[in-house]
């Protein structure tokens, strides 16, 4: 028996996105543990984990965001295959190695079989690294990673019993996947990726509350300092905090700049579609004629 859970803040979003995907992936005895949000994602997920820990004959639990839609009929079987290795604790559809902080995408991304669909600016889609099989780069590979993207997480029976999201260190939202991945690895377990096809419906604005994100970045970097490369700095007790905060602010700036480039790409794509459309070409003589007789502004001296 398998369980799939989600923390729900918007019933409309859950019913439109996560629920159809869960129905697609579910086996006849799959248990759905979707619950109303308990305040923070950390707390909400811990409640679901506590509930799952009391279930008998549970093979594994999958936690999925309310705005993520499974599009893979083999979703459960693929995760089941990964858990044949008793050392595997967590499974995701995207992950990276060389991770230094909660911005996992700044590490070396080895697998990302999802696509990012957004409604901003008229809507669009950004396929991740391995969403399109025919465009998967040669260096992409499945297997063990430092950290997985937390919008889809499979928990082994060991992980259900032994891992919990850090409600004290964590903010309302950020860093939960970084922390849970490092908890598993610190216990000697594996975090791995699987070829799970999932659509993530998410705003193109990647960070909305910069202060909260920076604080989570600093706090979790401090918590897991023994597993991270430490920056060099002055020999005093303030250097580490300054270095971590500077790293967090720089990472946030890079992430927001990346979102800006995505927005710019969207605008360029939309403009290109307009300029190459039939309607634009057909009305070109009319625009030329209109501009010919348009009154020019008078010069002022």
Protein backbone atom coordinates (compact mmCIF):
# COMPACT_ATOMS: atom_id res chain seq x y z
CA UNK A 1 0.00 0.00 0.00
CA UNK A 2 1.20 3.50 -0.89
CA UNK A 3 0.10 6.90 0.47
CA UNK A 4 0.19 10.25 -1.33
CA UNK A 5 -0.24 13.47 0.66
CA UNK A 6 -0.47 17.18 0.01
CA UNK A 7 -0.71 20.30 2.18
CA UNK A 8 -3.69 22.26 0.87
CA UNK A 9 -3.96 26.05 1.17
CA UNK A 10 -6.15 26.42 -1.94
CA UNK A 11 -8.79 23.70 -2.44
CA UNK A 12 -9.46 25.04 -5.95
CA UNK A 13 -5.81 24.70 -6.94
CA UNK A 14 -5.53 21.24 -5.38
CA UNK A 15 -8.68 19.98 -7.12
CA UNK A 16 -7.57 21.36 -10.48
CA UNK A 17 -3.93 20.24 -10.39
CA UNK A 18 -2.73 17.79 -7.74
CA UNK A 19 -5.89 15.72 -7.41
CA UNK A 20 -6.17 14.65 -11.10
CA UNK A 21 -2.50 13.64 -11.08
CA UNK A 22 -2.95 11.63 -7.89
CA UNK A 23 -5.92 9.82 -9.46
CA UNK A 24 -3.81 9.04 -12.54
CA UNK A 25 -0.95 7.57 -10.49
CA UNK A 26 -2.95 5.87 -7.74
CA UNK A 27 -3.21 2.12 -7.39
CA UNK A 28 -6.47 0.53 -6.13
CA UNK A 29 -5.32 0.59 -2.49
CA UNK A 30 -3.49 3.93 -2.55
CA UNK A 31 -4.40 6.14 0.43
CA UNK A 32 -4.70 9.90 -0.09
CA UNK A 33 -3.54 11.97 2.89
CA UNK A 34 -4.18 15.47 1.58
CA UNK A 35 -4.85 17.78 4.50
CA UNK A 36 -5.60 21.46 5.08
CA UNK A 37 -2.50 23.52 5.80
CA UNK A 38 -1.46 23.69 9.46
CA UNK A 39 0.23 27.08 9.15
CA UNK A 40 3.59 26.29 7.58
CA UNK A 41 4.64 23.69 5.04
CA UNK A 42 7.05 22.25 7.63
CA UNK A 43 4.24 21.69 10.15
CA UNK A 44 1.73 20.47 7.57
CA UNK A 45 4.11 17.86 6.19
CA UNK A 46 5.08 16.68 9.67
CA UNK A 47 1.42 16.06 10.51
CA UNK A 48 1.05 13.92 7.38
CA UNK A 49 4.27 12.05 8.21
CA UNK A 50 3.00 11.37 11.75
CA UNK A 51 -0.24 10.01 10.32
CA UNK A 52 1.63 7.83 7.81
CA UNK A 53 3.93 6.48 10.53
CA UNK A 54 0.93 4.81 12.20
CA UNK A 55 -0.24 3.03 9.05
CA UNK A 56 0.44 -0.69 8.77
CA UNK A 57 1.86 -2.26 5.60
CA UNK A 58 2.77 1.15 4.12
CA UNK A 59 5.39 0.78 1.38
CA UNK A 60 6.16 4.47 1.10
CA UNK A 61 4.69 7.98 1.23
CA UNK A 62 4.81 10.67 -1.44
CA UNK A 63 4.41 14.34 -0.51
CA UNK A 64 3.47 16.56 -3.43
CA UNK A 65 2.65 20.25 -3.73
CA UNK A 66 -0.93 21.26 -4.40
CA UNK A 67 0.18 22.92 -7.65
CA UNK A 68 2.05 19.89 -9.00
CA UNK A 69 0.34 17.49 -11.41
CA UNK A 70 1.63 13.96 -11.97
CA UNK A 71 1.57 13.00 -15.65
CA UNK A 72 3.30 9.65 -15.33
CA UNK A 73 1.13 6.50 -15.10
CA UNK A 74 4.23 4.61 -13.87
CA UNK A 75 4.88 7.17 -11.12
CA UNK A 76 4.35 4.81 -8.17
CA UNK A 77 6.16 1.85 -9.73
CA UNK A 78 9.20 3.99 -10.53
CA UNK A 79 9.45 5.14 -6.90
CA UNK A 80 8.88 1.56 -5.70
CA UNK A 81 11.85 0.46 -7.82
CA UNK A 82 14.10 3.01 -6.10
CA UNK A 83 13.11 1.81 -2.64
CA UNK A 84 14.27 -1.73 -3.46
CA UNK A 85 17.60 -0.36 -2.22
CA UNK A 86 17.15 -0.25 1.59
CA UNK A 87 19.66 2.59 1.85
CA UNK A 88 17.47 4.95 -0.21
CA UNK A 89 15.50 7.31 2.04
CA UNK A 90 14.16 9.99 -0.32
CA UNK A 91 13.21 10.05 -4.00
CA UNK A 92 12.48 13.09 -6.18
CA UNK A 93 12.12 14.04 -9.83
CA UNK A 94 14.87 16.68 -9.74
CA UNK A 95 18.14 17.01 -7.89
CA UNK A 96 21.71 18.22 -7.89
CA UNK A 97 25.17 17.48 -6.55
CA UNK A 98 27.65 20.00 -5.18
CA UNK A 99 24.83 21.77 -3.33
CA UNK A 100 25.98 24.50 -0.95
CA UNK A 101 22.67 26.01 0.15
CA UNK A 102 18.88 25.96 -0.23
CA UNK A 103 19.24 27.13 -3.85
CA UNK A 104 19.75 23.56 -5.07
CA UNK A 105 19.65 24.68 -8.72
CA UNK A 106 22.98 26.46 -8.18
CA UNK A 107 24.62 23.06 -7.77
CA UNK A 108 25.26 20.72 -10.68
CA UNK A 109 21.75 19.62 -11.67
CA UNK A 110 21.87 15.98 -12.74
CA UNK A 111 18.18 15.31 -13.36
CA UNK A 112 14.97 17.39 -13.61
CA UNK A 113 12.08 15.56 -15.29
CA UNK A 114 9.46 18.24 -14.75
CA UNK A 115 8.18 21.23 -16.65
CA UNK A 116 7.40 24.65 -15.17
CA UNK A 117 4.03 26.03 -16.30
CA UNK A 118 3.17 29.61 -15.36
CA UNK A 119 0.21 31.97 -15.80
CA UNK A 120 2.18 35.24 -15.61
CA UNK A 121 2.48 37.41 -18.74
CA UNK A 122 -0.19 35.48 -20.58
CA UNK A 123 1.16 32.08 -19.56
CA UNK A 124 3.85 29.77 -20.84
CA UNK A 125 6.01 26.75 -20.13
CA UNK A 126 9.69 26.20 -19.32
CA UNK A 127 10.78 22.55 -19.65
CA UNK A 128 13.41 21.52 -17.11
CA UNK A 129 16.64 19.68 -17.94
CA UNK A 130 15.22 16.22 -18.69
CA UNK A 131 11.50 16.82 -19.30
CA UNK A 132 11.87 16.30 -23.06
CA UNK A 133 13.46 12.90 -23.60
CA UNK A 134 14.76 13.77 -27.06
CA UNK A 135 16.54 16.86 -25.68
CA UNK A 136 18.07 15.27 -22.57
CA UNK A 137 21.77 16.26 -22.45
CA UNK A 138 24.41 13.53 -22.40
CA UNK A 139 25.68 14.56 -18.96
CA UNK A 140 22.27 14.10 -17.29
CA UNK A 141 22.00 11.02 -15.11
CA UNK A 142 19.69 9.43 -12.57
CA UNK A 143 20.92 8.35 -9.17
CA UNK A 144 22.26 9.69 -5.92
CA UNK A 145 22.29 13.47 -5.33
CA UNK A 146 22.98 15.89 -2.48
CA UNK A 147 19.46 17.27 -2.55
CA UNK A 148 16.14 16.94 -4.38
CA UNK A 149 13.58 19.59 -5.27
CA UNK A 150 10.89 19.32 -2.60
CA UNK A 151 7.76 19.79 -4.68
CA UNK A 152 7.73 15.98 -5.03
CA UNK A 153 9.31 13.80 -2.30
CA UNK A 154 9.00 10.05 -1.83
CA UNK A 155 9.68 8.81 1.73
CA UNK A 156 10.83 5.27 2.46
CA UNK A 157 9.46 3.46 5.58
CA UNK A 158 12.71 4.37 7.38
CA UNK A 159 12.33 8.03 6.40
CA UNK A 160 8.68 8.09 7.54
CA UNK A 161 9.72 6.88 10.98
CA UNK A 162 12.95 8.84 11.39
CA UNK A 163 12.80 12.13 9.47
CA UNK A 164 10.80 15.27 10.25
CA UNK A 165 10.91 18.79 8.82
CA UNK A 166 12.64 21.31 11.09
CA UNK A 167 9.83 23.60 12.29
CA UNK A 168 12.17 25.57 14.58
CA UNK A 169 14.91 26.48 12.11
CA UNK A 170 12.65 26.63 9.08
CA UNK A 171 10.64 29.58 7.82
CA UNK A 172 7.04 29.20 6.64
CA UNK A 173 8.16 27.80 3.30
CA UNK A 174 11.84 27.93 2.32
CA UNK A 175 14.59 25.36 2.80
CA UNK A 176 12.48 22.37 3.81
CA UNK A 177 13.82 20.19 0.96
CA UNK A 178 17.42 21.19 1.65
CA UNK A 179 17.06 20.30 5.32
CA UNK A 180 15.25 16.97 4.86
CA UNK A 181 17.75 15.86 2.20
CA UNK A 182 20.70 16.65 4.46
CA UNK A 183 19.01 14.91 7.41
CA UNK A 184 18.80 11.71 5.36
CA UNK A 185 22.39 11.93 4.14
CA UNK A 186 23.69 12.79 7.60
CA UNK A 187 22.11 9.53 8.80
CA UNK A 188 24.02 7.61 6.12
CA UNK A 189 21.04 7.21 3.78
CA UNK A 190 20.74 8.01 0.07
CA UNK A 191 18.76 10.75 -1.68
CA UNK A 192 18.07 9.85 -5.31
CA UNK A 193 16.30 11.03 -8.45
CA UNK A 194 13.86 9.03 -10.59
CA UNK A 195 12.41 9.76 -14.03
CA UNK A 196 9.03 10.99 -12.73
CA UNK A 197 7.10 13.19 -15.14
CA UNK A 198 5.42 16.01 -13.21
CA UNK A 199 4.09 19.42 -14.25
CA UNK A 200 4.75 22.18 -11.70
CA UNK A 201 2.30 25.08 -12.04
CA UNK A 202 4.14 27.95 -10.43
CA UNK A 203 4.62 31.67 -10.83
CA UNK A 204 7.64 32.78 -12.81
CA UNK A 205 8.49 34.92 -9.75
CA UNK A 206 10.71 32.46 -7.90
CA UNK A 207 11.23 34.39 -4.65
CA UNK A 208 8.47 36.61 -3.28
CA UNK A 209 9.67 37.16 0.29
CA UNK A 210 13.40 37.81 0.01
CA UNK A 211 13.96 38.35 3.76
CA UNK A 212 12.35 35.02 4.64
CA UNK A 213 14.36 33.26 1.95
CA UNK A 214 17.64 34.83 3.07
CA UNK A 215 17.00 33.95 6.73
CA UNK A 216 16.25 30.32 5.83
CA UNK A 217 19.38 30.23 3.66
CA UNK A 218 21.55 31.46 6.54
CA UNK A 219 19.94 29.33 9.26
CA UNK A 220 20.09 26.05 7.35
CA UNK A 221 23.62 26.74 6.11
CA UNK A 222 24.65 27.17 9.75
CA UNK A 223 22.80 24.02 10.83
CA UNK A 224 24.51 21.90 8.16
CA UNK A 225 27.88 23.62 8.23
CA UNK A 226 29.61 20.31 9.03
CA UNK A 227 28.43 18.94 5.66
CA UNK A 228 29.12 22.08 3.61
CA UNK A 229 32.34 23.71 2.39
CA UNK A 230 32.99 26.60 4.79
CA UNK A 231 33.93 30.03 3.41
CA UNK A 232 37.21 31.51 4.56
CA UNK A 233 37.11 34.76 6.46
CA UNK A 234 38.52 36.86 9.31
CA UNK A 235 39.42 35.00 12.48
CA UNK A 236 36.59 36.29 14.67
CA UNK A 237 33.21 34.95 15.79
CA UNK A 238 31.26 37.22 13.41
CA UNK A 239 32.80 36.12 10.12
CA UNK A 240 30.59 33.09 9.58
CA UNK A 241 27.30 34.96 9.94
CA UNK A 242 28.46 37.74 7.64
CA UNK A 243 29.73 35.28 5.05
CA UNK A 244 26.56 33.17 5.10
CA UNK A 245 24.29 36.21 4.84
CA UNK A 246 26.33 37.65 1.97
CA UNK A 247 26.15 34.29 0.22
CA UNK A 248 22.39 34.17 0.77
CA UNK A 249 21.80 37.69 -0.54
CA UNK A 250 23.96 37.00 -3.59
CA UNK A 251 22.10 33.75 -4.24
CA UNK A 252 18.74 35.52 -3.95
CA UNK A 253 19.94 38.21 -6.36
CA UNK A 254 21.07 35.58 -8.87
CA UNK A 255 17.74 33.75 -8.57
CA UNK A 256 15.74 36.94 -9.09
CA UNK A 257 17.98 37.92 -12.00
CA UNK A 258 17.32 34.51 -13.50
CA UNK A 259 13.58 35.10 -13.17
CA UNK A 260 14.10 38.47 -14.86
CA UNK A 261 15.82 36.79 -17.79
CA UNK A 262 12.93 34.33 -18.07
CA UNK A 263 10.44 37.21 -18.13
CA UNK A 264 12.53 38.96 -20.81
CA UNK A 265 12.61 35.76 -22.87
CA UNK A 266 8.82 35.51 -22.58
CA UNK A 267 8.39 39.10 -23.82
CA UNK A 268 10.74 38.49 -26.74
CA UNK A 269 8.87 35.32 -27.68
CA UNK A 270 5.51 37.11 -27.56
CA UNK A 271 6.81 40.03 -29.66
CA UNK A 272 8.30 37.62 -32.18
CA UNK A 273 4.97 35.76 -32.45
CA UNK A 274 3.14 39.05 -33.06
CA UNK A 275 5.59 40.31 -35.71
CA UNK A 276 5.40 36.99 -37.58
CA UNK A 277 1.64 36.60 -37.35
CA UNK A 278 -0.60 36.79 -40.42
CA UNK A 279 -2.63 39.64 -38.96
CA UNK A 280 0.49 41.77 -38.44
CA UNK A 281 1.68 41.16 -42.00
CA UNK A 282 -1.75 41.80 -43.53
CA UNK A 283 -2.16 45.13 -41.72
CA UNK A 284 1.34 46.37 -42.60
CA UNK A 285 0.10 48.57 -45.53
CA UNK A 286 -2.55 50.11 -43.28
CA UNK A 287 0.03 50.98 -40.62
CA UNK A 288 2.31 52.50 -43.24
CA UNK A 289 -0.57 54.58 -44.65
CA UNK A 290 -1.63 55.73 -41.16
CA UNK A 291 1.91 56.74 -40.20
CA UNK A 292 2.27 58.69 -43.46
CA UNK A 293 -0.44 61.12 -42.45
CA UNK A 294 0.22 61.11 -38.72
CA UNK A 295 0.88 64.61 -37.47
CA UNK A 296 4.48 65.05 -36.35
CA UNK A 297 5.07 66.85 -33.02
CA UNK A 298 6.13 70.45 -33.35
CA UNK A 299 9.63 71.30 -32.27
CA UNK A 300 10.02 73.65 -29.34
CA UNK A 301 13.03 75.80 -28.86
